[in-house]
Amino acid sequence: MRIIDNKQRINSLLIETGFQSYFSHDISKIVELIYAENGEILIEEGTPSNYLYYIVQGQCRYYTVTADGTYISFG
């Protein structure tokens, strides 16, 4: 993962996606634009995340692990 330092692009995405409308305060100062490679793990089960991810391009697949160790895909 890498952080893309482009405030103009962030502001543009906030407008295009309507993400700002989910919050009652201005989030433009705390939002970061992150690029993740295909297959990169964003969050692992049981590990707290430092981020709230909002996917604006591409796709995300998520899994859970059952008690017997089987992976179940939801996306």
Protein backbone atom coordinates (compact mmCIF):
# COMPACT_ATOMS: atom_id res chain seq x y z
CA MET A 1 0.00 0.00 0.00
CA ARG A 2 1.15 3.51 -0.66
CA ILE A 3 -0.30 6.89 0.17
CA ILE A 4 -0.87 9.23 -2.77
CA ASP A 5 -0.35 12.84 -1.65
CA ASN A 6 -2.77 14.68 -3.96
CA LYS A 7 -5.28 16.89 -2.10
CA GLN A 8 -6.89 18.03 -5.37
CA ARG A 9 -7.63 14.41 -6.35
CA ILE A 10 -8.94 13.65 -2.84
CA ASN A 11 -11.32 16.62 -2.97
CA SER A 12 -12.45 15.59 -6.45
CA LEU A 13 -13.16 12.03 -5.27
CA LEU A 14 -15.06 13.29 -2.21
CA ILE A 15 -17.36 15.21 -4.56
CA GLU A 16 -17.65 12.49 -7.24
CA THR A 17 -18.43 9.65 -4.82
CA GLY A 18 -20.53 11.57 -2.30
CA PHE A 19 -18.43 10.08 0.52
CA GLN A 20 -18.48 13.38 2.44
CA SER A 21 -22.29 13.09 2.77
CA TYR A 22 -21.86 10.21 5.26
CA PHE A 23 -20.32 12.62 7.80
CA SER A 24 -21.63 15.69 9.62
CA HIS A 25 -18.23 17.42 9.61
CA ASP A 26 -15.62 18.19 6.95
CA ILE A 27 -13.42 15.12 6.48
CA SER A 28 -11.21 16.51 3.71
CA LYS A 29 -8.39 17.24 6.20
CA ILE A 30 -8.19 13.67 7.51
CA VAL A 31 -8.84 11.62 4.36
CA GLU A 32 -5.93 9.83 2.69
CA LEU A 33 -5.85 8.38 -0.81
CA ILE A 34 -4.29 4.93 -0.72
CA TYR A 35 -3.24 2.74 -3.65
CA ALA A 36 -3.22 -1.01 -3.05
CA GLU A 37 -1.78 -3.58 -5.43
CA ASN A 38 -3.86 -6.46 -6.73
CA GLY A 39 -3.90 -9.24 -4.13
CA GLU A 40 -2.67 -7.03 -1.31
CA ILE A 41 -4.25 -7.69 2.10
CA LEU A 42 -5.81 -4.57 3.63
CA ILE A 43 -7.14 -5.99 6.90
CA GLU A 44 -6.60 -9.35 8.58
CA GLU A 45 -9.26 -10.97 10.70
CA GLY A 46 -8.74 -10.32 14.39
CA THR A 47 -6.46 -7.32 13.76
CA PRO A 48 -7.89 -3.82 14.26
CA SER A 49 -7.57 -1.52 11.26
CA ASN A 50 -6.19 2.00 11.44
CA TYR A 51 -8.37 2.95 8.47
CA LEU A 52 -11.94 3.02 7.26
CA TYR A 53 -11.58 1.95 3.63
CA TYR A 54 -13.87 3.33 0.93
CA ILE A 55 -13.12 1.68 -2.42
CA VAL A 56 -13.41 4.19 -5.28
CA GLN A 57 -11.87 2.10 -8.05
CA GLY A 58 -11.33 -1.61 -8.52
CA GLN A 59 -12.77 -4.30 -6.34
CA CYS A 60 -12.26 -5.84 -2.96
CA ARG A 61 -12.76 -9.42 -1.89
CA TYR A 62 -13.29 -10.38 1.70
CA TYR A 63 -13.05 -13.69 3.49
CA THR A 64 -13.79 -15.20 6.85
CA VAL A 65 -12.35 -18.31 8.41
CA THR A 66 -14.66 -20.88 9.99
CA ALA A 67 -13.90 -22.75 13.20
CA ASP A 68 -12.54 -25.70 11.17
CA GLY A 69 -10.15 -23.42 9.22
CA THR A 70 -12.15 -23.22 5.97
CA TYR A 71 -12.05 -19.92 4.08
CA ILE A 72 -15.39 -18.49 2.94
CA SER A 73 -15.35 -15.72 0.31
CA PHE A 74 -18.02 -13.00 0.33
CA GLY A 75 -16.94 -10.83 -2.56
